[in-house]
């Protein structure tokens, strides 16, 4: 369905924002079109298996 495509696209864009150390998860939620950061976190976890914060930490440690 179109909703799934939109969510996947938003989550991929969110990943790009989250790898920037200066961005916060709730800010990223708004940047990719989610008004509710809690809902964004649940959708993010559904598609990635990680919360936005976990993703951010995992990326930081992989990079170092």
PDB file of N, CA and C in Angstrom:
ATOM      1  N   UNK A   1       0.816  -1.217   0.000  1.00  0.00           N
ATOM      2  CA  UNK A   1       0.000   0.000   0.000  1.00  0.00           C
ATOM      3  C   UNK A   1       0.849   1.266   0.000  1.00  0.00           C
ATOM      4  N   UNK A   2       0.249   2.348  -0.383  1.00  0.00           N
ATOM      5  CA  UNK A   2       0.953   3.630  -0.462  1.00  0.00           C
ATOM      6  C   UNK A   2       1.467   4.081   0.901  1.00  0.00           C
ATOM      7  N   UNK A   3       0.705   3.788   1.956  1.00  0.00           N
ATOM      8  CA  UNK A   3       1.128   4.195   3.300  1.00  0.00           C
ATOM      9  C   UNK A   3       2.453   3.559   3.673  1.00  0.00           C
ATOM     10  N   UNK A   4       2.611   2.298   3.331  1.00  0.00           N
ATOM     11  CA  UNK A   4       3.862   1.605   3.644  1.00  0.00           C
ATOM     12  C   UNK A   4       5.028   2.223   2.872  1.00  0.00           C
ATOM     13  N   UNK A   5       4.813   2.526   1.620  1.00  0.00           N
ATOM     14  CA  UNK A   5       5.855   3.170   0.814  1.00  0.00           C
ATOM     15  C   UNK A   5       6.252   4.518   1.426  1.00  0.00           C
ATOM     16  N   UNK A   6       5.263   5.311   1.823  1.00  0.00           N
ATOM     17  CA  UNK A   6       5.534   6.624   2.419  1.00  0.00           C
ATOM     18  C   UNK A   6       6.313   6.453   3.722  1.00  0.00           C
ATOM     19  N   UNK A   7       5.880   5.519   4.562  1.00  0.00           N
ATOM     20  CA  UNK A   7       6.588   5.296   5.828  1.00  0.00           C
ATOM     21  C   UNK A   7       8.028   4.869   5.594  1.00  0.00           C
ATOM     22  N   UNK A   8       8.239   3.936   4.659  1.00  0.00           N
ATOM     23  CA  UNK A   8       9.605   3.478   4.369  1.00  0.00           C
ATOM     24  C   UNK A   8      10.472   4.642   3.884  1.00  0.00           C
ATOM     25  N   UNK A   9       9.916   5.467   3.022  1.00  0.00           N
ATOM     26  CA  UNK A   9      10.656   6.612   2.495  1.00  0.00           C
ATOM     27  C   UNK A   9      11.000   7.587   3.618  1.00  0.00           C
ATOM     28  N   UNK A  10      10.046   7.849   4.482  1.00  0.00           N
ATOM     29  CA  UNK A  10      10.290   8.756   5.615  1.00  0.00           C
ATOM     30  C   UNK A  10      11.357   8.196   6.550  1.00  0.00           C
ATOM     31  N   UNK A  11      11.317   6.896   6.807  1.00  0.00           N
ATOM     32  CA  UNK A  11      12.285   6.280   7.714  1.00  0.00           C
ATOM     33  C   UNK A  11      13.687   6.323   7.103  1.00  0.00           C
ATOM     34  N   UNK A  12      13.804   6.089   5.807  1.00  0.00           N
ATOM     35  CA  UNK A  12      15.124   6.187   5.157  1.00  0.00           C
ATOM     36  C   UNK A  12      15.676   7.607   5.286  1.00  0.00           C
ATOM     37  N   UNK A  13      14.831   8.599   5.098  1.00  0.00           N
ATOM     38  CA  UNK A  13      15.267   9.991   5.247  1.00  0.00           C
ATOM     39  C   UNK A  13      15.628  10.268   6.707  1.00  0.00           C
ATOM     40  N   UNK A  14      14.846   9.730   7.625  1.00  0.00           N
ATOM     41  CA  UNK A  14      15.118   9.916   9.051  1.00  0.00           C
ATOM     42  C   UNK A  14      16.498   9.366   9.418  1.00  0.00           C
ATOM     43  N   UNK A  15      16.860   8.236   8.846  1.00  0.00           N
ATOM     44  CA  UNK A  15      18.182   7.662   9.115  1.00  0.00           C
ATOM     45  C   UNK A  15      19.284   8.643   8.713  1.00  0.00           C
ATOM     46  N   UNK A  16      19.100   9.295   7.580  1.00  0.00           N
ATOM     47  CA  UNK A  16      20.096  10.279   7.126  1.00  0.00           C
ATOM     48  C   UNK A  16      20.234  11.411   8.136  1.00  0.00           C
ATOM     49  N   UNK A  17      19.112  11.878   8.652  1.00  0.00           N
ATOM     50  CA  UNK A  17      19.154  12.947   9.654  1.00  0.00           C
ATOM     51  C   UNK A  17      19.760  12.468  10.965  1.00  0.00           C
ATOM     52  N   UNK A  18      19.438  11.245  11.372  1.00  0.00           N
ATOM     53  CA  UNK A  18      19.877  10.744  12.675  1.00  0.00           C
ATOM     54  C   UNK A  18      21.379  10.507  12.759  1.00  0.00           C
ATOM     55  N   UNK A  19      22.036  10.307  11.624  1.00  0.00           N
ATOM     56  CA  UNK A  19      23.487  10.094  11.701  1.00  0.00           C
ATOM     57  C   UNK A  19      24.232  11.394  12.010  1.00  0.00           C
ATOM     58  N   UNK A  20      23.551  12.517  11.907  1.00  0.00           N
ATOM     59  CA  UNK A  20      24.138  13.796  12.295  1.00  0.00           C
ATOM     60  C   UNK A  20      24.071  13.908  13.813  1.00  0.00           C
ATOM     61  N   UNK A  21      25.219  14.052  14.482  1.00  0.00           N
ATOM     62  CA  UNK A  21      25.215  14.068  15.944  1.00  0.00           C
ATOM     63  C   UNK A  21      24.406  15.219  16.556  1.00  0.00           C
ATOM     64  N   UNK A  22      24.161  16.268  15.796  1.00  0.00           N
ATOM     65  CA  UNK A  22      23.456  17.418  16.346  1.00  0.00           C
ATOM     66  C   UNK A  22      21.941  17.318  16.311  1.00  0.00           C
ATOM     67  N   UNK A  23      21.392  16.280  15.707  1.00  0.00           N
ATOM     68  CA  UNK A  23      19.931  16.192  15.598  1.00  0.00           C
ATOM     69  C   UNK A  23      19.347  15.341  16.710  1.00  0.00           C
ATOM     70  N   UNK A  24      18.166  15.709  17.147  1.00  0.00           N
ATOM     71  CA  UNK A  24      17.446  14.965  18.166  1.00  0.00           C
ATOM     72  C   UNK A  24      16.281  14.231  17.506  1.00  0.00           C
ATOM     73  N   UNK A  25      15.912  13.106  18.096  1.00  0.00           N
ATOM     74  CA  UNK A  25      14.876  12.264  17.501  1.00  0.00           C
ATOM     75  C   UNK A  25      13.574  13.021  17.278  1.00  0.00           C
ATOM     76  N   UNK A  26      13.168  13.841  18.247  1.00  0.00           N
ATOM     77  CA  UNK A  26      11.891  14.543  18.070  1.00  0.00           C
ATOM     78  C   UNK A  26      11.969  15.573  16.952  1.00  0.00           C
ATOM     79  N   UNK A  27      13.153  16.143  16.731  1.00  0.00           N
ATOM     80  CA  UNK A  27      13.321  17.081  15.614  1.00  0.00           C
ATOM     81  C   UNK A  27      13.219  16.335  14.283  1.00  0.00           C
ATOM     82  N   UNK A  28      13.834  15.179  14.220  1.00  0.00           N
ATOM     83  CA  UNK A  28      13.796  14.366  13.003  1.00  0.00           C
ATOM     84  C   UNK A  28      12.365  13.967  12.680  1.00  0.00           C
ATOM     85  N   UNK A  29      11.595  13.646  13.694  1.00  0.00           N
ATOM     86  CA  UNK A  29      10.187  13.288  13.480  1.00  0.00           C
ATOM     87  C   UNK A  29       9.489  14.384  12.679  1.00  0.00           C
ATOM     88  N   UNK A  30       9.646  15.616  13.099  1.00  0.00           N
ATOM     89  CA  UNK A  30       9.025  16.732  12.388  1.00  0.00           C
ATOM     90  C   UNK A  30       9.593  16.929  10.992  1.00  0.00           C
ATOM     91  N   UNK A  31      10.898  16.746  10.859  1.00  0.00           N
ATOM     92  CA  UNK A  31      11.543  16.946   9.562  1.00  0.00           C
ATOM     93  C   UNK A  31      11.038  15.961   8.501  1.00  0.00           C
ATOM     94  N   UNK A  32      10.680  14.761   8.925  1.00  0.00           N
ATOM     95  CA  UNK A  32      10.220  13.758   7.957  1.00  0.00           C
ATOM     96  C   UNK A  32       8.700  13.627   7.910  1.00  0.00           C
ATOM     97  N   UNK A  33       8.000  14.525   8.607  1.00  0.00           N
ATOM     98  CA  UNK A  33       6.552  14.595   8.439  1.00  0.00           C
ATOM     99  C   UNK A  33       5.693  13.941   9.498  1.00  0.00           C
ATOM    100  N   UNK A  34       6.271  13.597  10.637  1.00  0.00           N
ATOM    101  CA  UNK A  34       5.473  13.036  11.730  1.00  0.00           C
ATOM    102  C   UNK A  34       5.289  14.115  12.794  1.00  0.00           C
ATOM    103  N   UNK A  35       4.038  14.424  13.119  1.00  0.00           N
ATOM    104  CA  UNK A  35       3.755  15.441  14.138  1.00  0.00           C
ATOM    105  C   UNK A  35       3.923  14.905  15.555  1.00  0.00           C
ATOM    106  N   UNK A  36       3.827  13.594  15.709  1.00  0.00           N
ATOM    107  CA  UNK A  36       3.902  12.966  17.026  1.00  0.00           C
ATOM    108  C   UNK A  36       5.204  12.166  17.133  1.00  0.00           C
ATOM    109  N   UNK A  37       6.157  12.648  17.945  1.00  0.00           N
ATOM    110  CA  UNK A  37       7.440  11.942  18.059  1.00  0.00           C
ATOM    111  C   UNK A  37       7.312  10.508  18.582  1.00  0.00           C
ATOM    112  N   UNK A  38       6.321  10.255  19.428  1.00  0.00           N
ATOM    113  CA  UNK A  38       6.133   8.896  19.946  1.00  0.00           C
ATOM    114  C   UNK A  38       5.699   7.960  18.824  1.00  0.00           C
ATOM    115  N   UNK A  39       4.792   8.429  17.998  1.00  0.00           N
ATOM    116  CA  UNK A  39       4.349   7.632  16.842  1.00  0.00           C
ATOM    117  C   UNK A  39       5.516   7.408  15.882  1.00  0.00           C
ATOM    118  N   UNK A  40       6.286   8.459  15.637  1.00  0.00           N
ATOM    119  CA  UNK A  40       7.471   8.336  14.786  1.00  0.00           C
ATOM    120  C   UNK A  40       8.398   7.250  15.325  1.00  0.00           C
ATOM    121  N   UNK A  41       8.646   7.265  16.624  1.00  0.00           N
ATOM    122  CA  UNK A  41       9.540   6.267  17.221  1.00  0.00           C
ATOM    123  C   UNK A  41       9.012   4.857  17.021  1.00  0.00           C
ATOM    124  N   UNK A  42       7.693   4.676  17.163  1.00  0.00           N
ATOM    125  CA  UNK A  42       7.134   3.331  16.988  1.00  0.00           C
ATOM    126  C   UNK A  42       7.233   2.875  15.530  1.00  0.00           C
ATOM    127  N   UNK A  43       6.996   3.780  14.595  1.00  0.00           N
ATOM    128  CA  UNK A  43       7.121   3.434  13.170  1.00  0.00           C
ATOM    129  C   UNK A  43       8.590   3.158  12.831  1.00  0.00           C
ATOM    130  N   UNK A  44       9.479   3.982  13.349  1.00  0.00           N
ATOM    131  CA  UNK A  44      10.911   3.796  13.102  1.00  0.00           C
ATOM    132  C   UNK A  44      11.343   2.411  13.592  1.00  0.00           C
ATOM    133  N   UNK A  45      10.902   2.052  14.796  1.00  0.00           N
ATOM    134  CA  UNK A  45      11.285   0.751  15.355  1.00  0.00           C
ATOM    135  C   UNK A  45      10.684  -0.398  14.542  1.00  0.00           C
ATOM    136  N   UNK A  46       9.477  -0.211  14.050  1.00  0.00           N
ATOM    137  CA  UNK A  46       8.828  -1.243  13.232  1.00  0.00           C
ATOM    138  C   UNK A  46       9.662  -1.548  11.985  1.00  0.00           C
ATOM    139  N   UNK A  47      10.219  -0.516  11.364  1.00  0.00           N
ATOM    140  CA  UNK A  47      10.956  -0.699  10.108  1.00  0.00           C
ATOM    141  C   UNK A  47      12.438  -1.011  10.299  1.00  0.00           C
ATOM    142  N   UNK A  48      13.018  -0.613  11.429  1.00  0.00           N
ATOM    143  CA  UNK A  48      14.461  -0.803  11.610  1.00  0.00           C
ATOM    144  C   UNK A  48      14.822  -1.779  12.722  1.00  0.00           C
ATOM    145  N   UNK A  49      13.875  -2.036  13.622  1.00  0.00           N
ATOM    146  CA  UNK A  49      14.173  -2.889  14.769  1.00  0.00           C
ATOM    147  C   UNK A  49      14.820  -2.137  15.914  1.00  0.00           C
ATOM    148  N   UNK A  50      15.046  -0.845  15.726  1.00  0.00           N
ATOM    149  CA  UNK A  50      15.684  -0.005  16.749  1.00  0.00           C
ATOM    150  C   UNK A  50      14.869   1.263  16.943  1.00  0.00           C
ATOM    151  N   UNK A  51      14.955   1.819  18.139  1.00  0.00           N
ATOM    152  CA  UNK A  51      14.370   3.146  18.339  1.00  0.00           C
ATOM    153  C   UNK A  51      15.288   4.155  17.655  1.00  0.00           C
ATOM    154  N   UNK A  52      14.804   5.367  17.393  1.00  0.00           N
ATOM    155  CA  UNK A  52      15.692   6.366  16.785  1.00  0.00           C
ATOM    156  C   UNK A  52      16.951   6.611  17.619  1.00  0.00           C
ATOM    157  N   UNK A  53      16.804   6.635  18.930  1.00  0.00           N
ATOM    158  CA  UNK A  53      17.960   6.856  19.812  1.00  0.00           C
ATOM    159  C   UNK A  53      18.933   5.687  19.728  1.00  0.00           C
ATOM    160  N   UNK A  54      18.410   4.463  19.724  1.00  0.00           N
ATOM    161  CA  UNK A  54      19.276   3.282  19.597  1.00  0.00           C
ATOM    162  C   UNK A  54      20.014   3.311  18.262  1.00  0.00           C
ATOM    163  N   UNK A  55      19.305   3.671  17.199  1.00  0.00           N
ATOM    164  CA  UNK A  55      19.930   3.765  15.876  1.00  0.00           C
ATOM    165  C   UNK A  55      21.064   4.776  15.903  1.00  0.00           C
ATOM    166  N   UNK A  56      20.807   5.929  16.502  1.00  0.00           N
ATOM    167  CA  UNK A  56      21.798   6.997  16.581  1.00  0.00           C
ATOM    168  C   UNK A  56      23.044   6.514  17.317  1.00  0.00           C
ATOM    169  N   UNK A  57      22.857   5.830  18.452  1.00  0.00           N
ATOM    170  CA  UNK A  57      23.995   5.326  19.222  1.00  0.00           C
ATOM    171  C   UNK A  57      24.733   4.235  18.463  1.00  0.00           C
ATOM    172  N   UNK A  58      23.994   3.344  17.842  1.00  0.00           N
ATOM    173  CA  UNK A  58      24.619   2.252  17.090  1.00  0.00           C
ATOM    174  C   UNK A  58      25.468   2.813  15.950  1.00  0.00           C
ATOM    175  N   UNK A  59      24.933   3.793  15.242  1.00  0.00           N
ATOM    176  CA  UNK A  59      25.683   4.381  14.139  1.00  0.00           C
ATOM    177  C   UNK A  59      26.958   5.039  14.649  1.00  0.00           C
ATOM    178  N   UNK A  60      26.842   5.744  15.766  1.00  0.00           N
ATOM    179  CA  UNK A  60      28.002   6.447  16.318  1.00  0.00           C
ATOM    180  C   UNK A  60      29.106   5.455  16.658  1.00  0.00           C
ATOM    181  N   UNK A  61      28.743   4.309  17.252  1.00  0.00           N
ATOM    182  CA  UNK A  61      29.756   3.342  17.654  1.00  0.00           C
ATOM    183  C   UNK A  61      30.308   2.572  16.462  1.00  0.00           C
ATOM    184  N   UNK A  62      29.504   2.356  15.439  1.00  0.00           N
ATOM    185  CA  UNK A  62      30.008   1.688  14.234  1.00  0.00           C
ATOM    186  C   UNK A  62      31.041   2.551  13.545  1.00  0.00           C
ATOM    187  N   UNK A  63      30.811   3.867  13.568  1.00  0.00           N
ATOM    188  CA  UNK A  63      31.677   4.809  12.870  1.00  0.00           C
ATOM    189  C   UNK A  63      33.040   4.927  13.549  1.00  0.00           C
ATOM    190  N   UNK A  64      33.071   4.822  14.868  1.00  0.00           N
ATOM    191  CA  UNK A  64      34.336   5.005  15.598  1.00  0.00           C
ATOM    192  C   UNK A  64      35.164   3.744  15.630  1.00  0.00           C
TER     193      UNK A  64
END
